[in-house]
Amino acid sequence: HVQLVESGGGSVQAGGSLRLSCAAPGYTYDTYCMGWFRQAPGKEREGVAVTTFGGFGSYYADSVKGRFIISQSPGKDTVYLQMNTLRPEDTAVYYCATRPGSRCISGSWSSIEQYNYWGQGTQVTVS
């Protein structure tokens, strides 16, 4: 079982920045896809950004390209999401998710069914 612990959410004014963290204590898989999804009230959960451990590529939703950056810790057990130039439409609960044992796939990375483990979510509010 993989536990994901998220932190870093909060409230910010439009144009501001936040950094989310997702820690996976004891995550020992050599390869995995890990990243962030979000769900706004009344909307479906959507992919924001994911990355494959080891630098094999990251994928972003068009709505966040150029504003959000996903990165990994050297110890491979934490993924970060740096969110810049935030907009009110970025307001949502952000969830960390991971699929151990395989890389992120360009054509299907945003499909929530592919992810085995999820965090509890952290609220991001942009006003």
C-alpha atoms as a PDB file:
ATOM      1  CA  HIS A   1       0.000   0.000   0.000  1.00  0.00           C
ATOM      2  CA  VAL A   2       1.232   3.498  -0.880  1.00  0.00           C
ATOM      3  CA  GLN A   3       0.353   6.454   1.299  1.00  0.00           C
ATOM      4  CA  LEU A   4       0.348   9.913  -0.256  1.00  0.00           C
ATOM      5  CA  VAL A   5       0.518  12.958   1.985  1.00  0.00           C
ATOM      6  CA  GLU A   6      -0.285  16.332   0.433  1.00  0.00           C
ATOM      7  CA  SER A   7       0.489  19.778   1.756  1.00  0.00           C
ATOM      8  CA  GLY A   8       0.791  23.366   0.603  1.00  0.00           C
ATOM      9  CA  GLY A   9      -2.742  24.347  -0.294  1.00  0.00           C
ATOM     10  CA  GLY A  10      -4.318  27.591   0.815  1.00  0.00           C
ATOM     11  CA  SER A  11      -5.836  30.861  -0.296  1.00  0.00           C
ATOM     12  CA  VAL A  12      -4.132  33.360  -2.571  1.00  0.00           C
ATOM     13  CA  GLN A  13      -5.053  36.332  -4.697  1.00  0.00           C
ATOM     14  CA  ALA A  14      -5.111  36.092  -8.454  1.00  0.00           C
ATOM     15  CA  GLY A  15      -1.620  36.365  -9.876  1.00  0.00           C
ATOM     16  CA  GLY A  16      -0.054  34.826  -6.804  1.00  0.00           C
ATOM     17  CA  SER A  17       1.784  31.536  -6.328  1.00  0.00           C
ATOM     18  CA  LEU A  18       1.505  28.392  -4.272  1.00  0.00           C
ATOM     19  CA  ARG A  19       3.590  25.247  -4.031  1.00  0.00           C
ATOM     20  CA  LEU A  20       2.022  21.888  -3.380  1.00  0.00           C
ATOM     21  CA  SER A  21       3.938  18.886  -2.073  1.00  0.00           C
ATOM     22  CA  CYS A  22       3.068  15.222  -2.214  1.00  0.00           C
ATOM     23  CA  ALA A  23       5.151  12.886  -0.105  1.00  0.00           C
ATOM     24  CA  ALA A  24       5.126   9.114  -0.451  1.00  0.00           C
ATOM     25  CA  PRO A  25       7.048   7.780   2.531  1.00  0.00           C
ATOM     26  CA  GLY A  26       8.837   4.551   1.773  1.00  0.00           C
ATOM     27  CA  TYR A  27       8.011   4.642  -1.932  1.00  0.00           C
ATOM     28  CA  THR A  28      10.548   2.207  -3.347  1.00  0.00           C
ATOM     29  CA  TYR A  29       9.405   1.533  -6.900  1.00  0.00           C
ATOM     30  CA  ASP A  30      12.059   2.101  -9.546  1.00  0.00           C
ATOM     31  CA  THR A  31       9.570   3.556 -11.980  1.00  0.00           C
ATOM     32  CA  TYR A  32       6.313   5.345 -11.408  1.00  0.00           C
ATOM     33  CA  CYS A  33       4.012   7.977 -12.725  1.00  0.00           C
ATOM     34  CA  MET A  34       2.975  10.547 -10.142  1.00  0.00           C
ATOM     35  CA  GLY A  35       1.256  13.875 -10.264  1.00  0.00           C
ATOM     36  CA  TRP A  36      -1.684  16.115  -9.630  1.00  0.00           C
ATOM     37  CA  PHE A  37      -5.356  16.215 -10.412  1.00  0.00           C
ATOM     38  CA  ARG A  38      -7.969  18.708  -9.341  1.00  0.00           C
ATOM     39  CA  GLN A  39     -11.691  18.865  -8.857  1.00  0.00           C
ATOM     40  CA  ALA A  40     -13.715  22.054  -8.707  1.00  0.00           C
ATOM     41  CA  PRO A  41     -17.254  22.122  -7.271  1.00  0.00           C
ATOM     42  CA  GLY A  42     -19.710  20.611  -9.706  1.00  0.00           C
ATOM     43  CA  LYS A  43     -16.995  19.483 -12.109  1.00  0.00           C
ATOM     44  CA  GLU A  44     -15.247  16.235 -12.865  1.00  0.00           C
ATOM     45  CA  ARG A  45     -11.775  15.520 -11.624  1.00  0.00           C
ATOM     46  CA  GLU A  46      -9.192  16.523 -14.221  1.00  0.00           C
ATOM     47  CA  GLY A  47      -5.502  16.004 -14.761  1.00  0.00           C
ATOM     48  CA  VAL A  48      -3.208  18.939 -14.033  1.00  0.00           C
ATOM     49  CA  ALA A  49       0.343  17.607 -14.369  1.00  0.00           C
ATOM     50  CA  VAL A  50       2.187  14.329 -13.977  1.00  0.00           C
ATOM     51  CA  THR A  51       5.780  13.203 -14.156  1.00  0.00           C
ATOM     52  CA  THR A  52       7.673   9.951 -14.486  1.00  0.00           C
ATOM     53  CA  PHE A  53      10.370   9.324 -11.948  1.00  0.00           C
ATOM     54  CA  GLY A  54      13.831   9.564 -13.478  1.00  0.00           C
ATOM     55  CA  GLY A  55      13.201  12.424 -15.855  1.00  0.00           C
ATOM     56  CA  PHE A  56      11.365  10.543 -18.565  1.00  0.00           C
ATOM     57  CA  GLY A  57       8.963  13.316 -19.180  1.00  0.00           C
ATOM     58  CA  SER A  58       6.172  15.362 -17.713  1.00  0.00           C
ATOM     59  CA  TYR A  59       2.734  16.210 -19.033  1.00  0.00           C
ATOM     60  CA  TYR A  60       0.541  19.202 -18.383  1.00  0.00           C
ATOM     61  CA  ALA A  61      -3.020  20.214 -19.007  1.00  0.00           C
ATOM     62  CA  ASP A  62      -3.220  22.980 -21.598  1.00  0.00           C
ATOM     63  CA  SER A  63      -4.846  25.252 -19.040  1.00  0.00           C
ATOM     64  CA  VAL A  64      -1.741  25.256 -16.821  1.00  0.00           C
ATOM     65  CA  LYS A  65       1.100  25.101 -19.343  1.00  0.00           C
ATOM     66  CA  GLY A  66       3.544  27.927 -18.818  1.00  0.00           C
ATOM     67  CA  ARG A  67       2.213  28.615 -15.312  1.00  0.00           C
ATOM     68  CA  PHE A  68       2.640  25.358 -13.355  1.00  0.00           C
ATOM     69  CA  ILE A  69       5.800  23.298 -12.969  1.00  0.00           C
ATOM     70  CA  ILE A  70       5.960  19.747 -11.660  1.00  0.00           C
ATOM     71  CA  SER A  71       9.195  18.447 -10.169  1.00  0.00           C
ATOM     72  CA  GLN A  72      10.592  15.592  -8.079  1.00  0.00           C
ATOM     73  CA  SER A  73      12.788  15.425  -5.039  1.00  0.00           C
ATOM     74  CA  PRO A  74      16.220  13.797  -5.452  1.00  0.00           C
ATOM     75  CA  GLY A  75      15.086  11.142  -3.006  1.00  0.00           C
ATOM     76  CA  LYS A  76      12.248  10.276  -5.429  1.00  0.00           C
ATOM     77  CA  ASP A  77       9.612  10.153  -2.743  1.00  0.00           C
ATOM     78  CA  THR A  78       8.167  13.653  -3.121  1.00  0.00           C
ATOM     79  CA  VAL A  79       6.585  15.457  -6.046  1.00  0.00           C
ATOM     80  CA  TYR A  80       6.021  19.197  -6.108  1.00  0.00           C
ATOM     81  CA  LEU A  81       3.680  21.415  -8.063  1.00  0.00           C
ATOM     82  CA  GLN A  82       4.774  25.019  -8.325  1.00  0.00           C
ATOM     83  CA  MET A  83       1.729  27.053  -9.308  1.00  0.00           C
ATOM     84  CA  ASN A  84       2.375  30.561 -10.596  1.00  0.00           C
ATOM     85  CA  THR A  85       0.122  33.273 -11.977  1.00  0.00           C
ATOM     86  CA  LEU A  86      -2.858  31.647 -10.346  1.00  0.00           C
ATOM     87  CA  ARG A  87      -6.333  32.403 -11.629  1.00  0.00           C
ATOM     88  CA  PRO A  88      -9.741  32.091  -9.976  1.00  0.00           C
ATOM     89  CA  GLU A  89     -10.490  29.169 -12.287  1.00  0.00           C
ATOM     90  CA  ASP A  90      -7.633  27.263 -10.653  1.00  0.00           C
ATOM     91  CA  THR A  91      -9.713  27.053  -7.487  1.00  0.00           C
ATOM     92  CA  ALA A  92     -10.257  23.384  -6.668  1.00  0.00           C
ATOM     93  CA  VAL A  93      -9.320  20.530  -4.408  1.00  0.00           C
ATOM     94  CA  TYR A  94      -5.975  19.232  -5.645  1.00  0.00           C
ATOM     95  CA  TYR A  95      -5.247  15.529  -5.362  1.00  0.00           C
ATOM     96  CA  CYS A  96      -1.960  13.723  -5.650  1.00  0.00           C
ATOM     97  CA  ALA A  97      -2.054  10.370  -7.423  1.00  0.00           C
ATOM     98  CA  THR A  98       0.395   7.712  -8.446  1.00  0.00           C
ATOM     99  CA  ARG A  99       0.691   4.571 -10.527  1.00  0.00           C
ATOM    100  CA  PRO A 100       3.700   2.481  -9.536  1.00  0.00           C
ATOM    101  CA  GLY A 101       5.659   0.345 -11.918  1.00  0.00           C
ATOM    102  CA  SER A 102       5.225   2.241 -15.170  1.00  0.00           C
ATOM    103  CA  ARG A 103       5.894   5.572 -16.823  1.00  0.00           C
ATOM    104  CA  CYS A 104       3.339   8.237 -17.539  1.00  0.00           C
ATOM    105  CA  ILE A 105       1.847   7.811 -21.005  1.00  0.00           C
ATOM    106  CA  SER A 106       1.366  10.818 -23.234  1.00  0.00           C
ATOM    107  CA  GLY A 107      -1.992   9.844 -24.661  1.00  0.00           C
ATOM    108  CA  SER A 108      -3.659   8.769 -21.443  1.00  0.00           C
ATOM    109  CA  TRP A 109      -1.873  10.406 -18.525  1.00  0.00           C
ATOM    110  CA  SER A 110      -4.960  12.328 -17.448  1.00  0.00           C
ATOM    111  CA  SER A 111      -7.197   9.273 -17.152  1.00  0.00           C
ATOM    112  CA  ILE A 112      -7.966   8.921 -13.459  1.00  0.00           C
ATOM    113  CA  GLU A 113      -8.674   5.207 -13.806  1.00  0.00           C
ATOM    114  CA  GLN A 114      -4.977   4.603 -14.381  1.00  0.00           C
ATOM    115  CA  TYR A 115      -3.918   5.677 -10.922  1.00  0.00           C
ATOM    116  CA  ASN A 116      -3.862   3.228  -8.069  1.00  0.00           C
ATOM    117  CA  TYR A 117      -3.282   5.500  -5.115  1.00  0.00           C
ATOM    118  CA  TRP A 118      -4.674   8.895  -4.180  1.00  0.00           C
ATOM    119  CA  GLY A 119      -4.046  11.469  -1.507  1.00  0.00           C
ATOM    120  CA  GLN A 120      -6.722  13.060   0.631  1.00  0.00           C
ATOM    121  CA  GLY A 121      -6.726  16.339  -1.299  1.00  0.00           C
ATOM    122  CA  THR A 122      -5.755  19.886  -0.446  1.00  0.00           C
ATOM    123  CA  GLN A 123      -7.849  22.975  -1.109  1.00  0.00           C
ATOM    124  CA  VAL A 124      -6.548  25.759  -3.321  1.00  0.00           C
ATOM    125  CA  THR A 125      -8.613  28.940  -3.453  1.00  0.00           C
ATOM    126  CA  VAL A 126      -7.790  31.833  -5.762  1.00  0.00           C
ATOM    127  CA  SER A 127      -9.744  35.059  -5.416  1.00  0.00           C
END
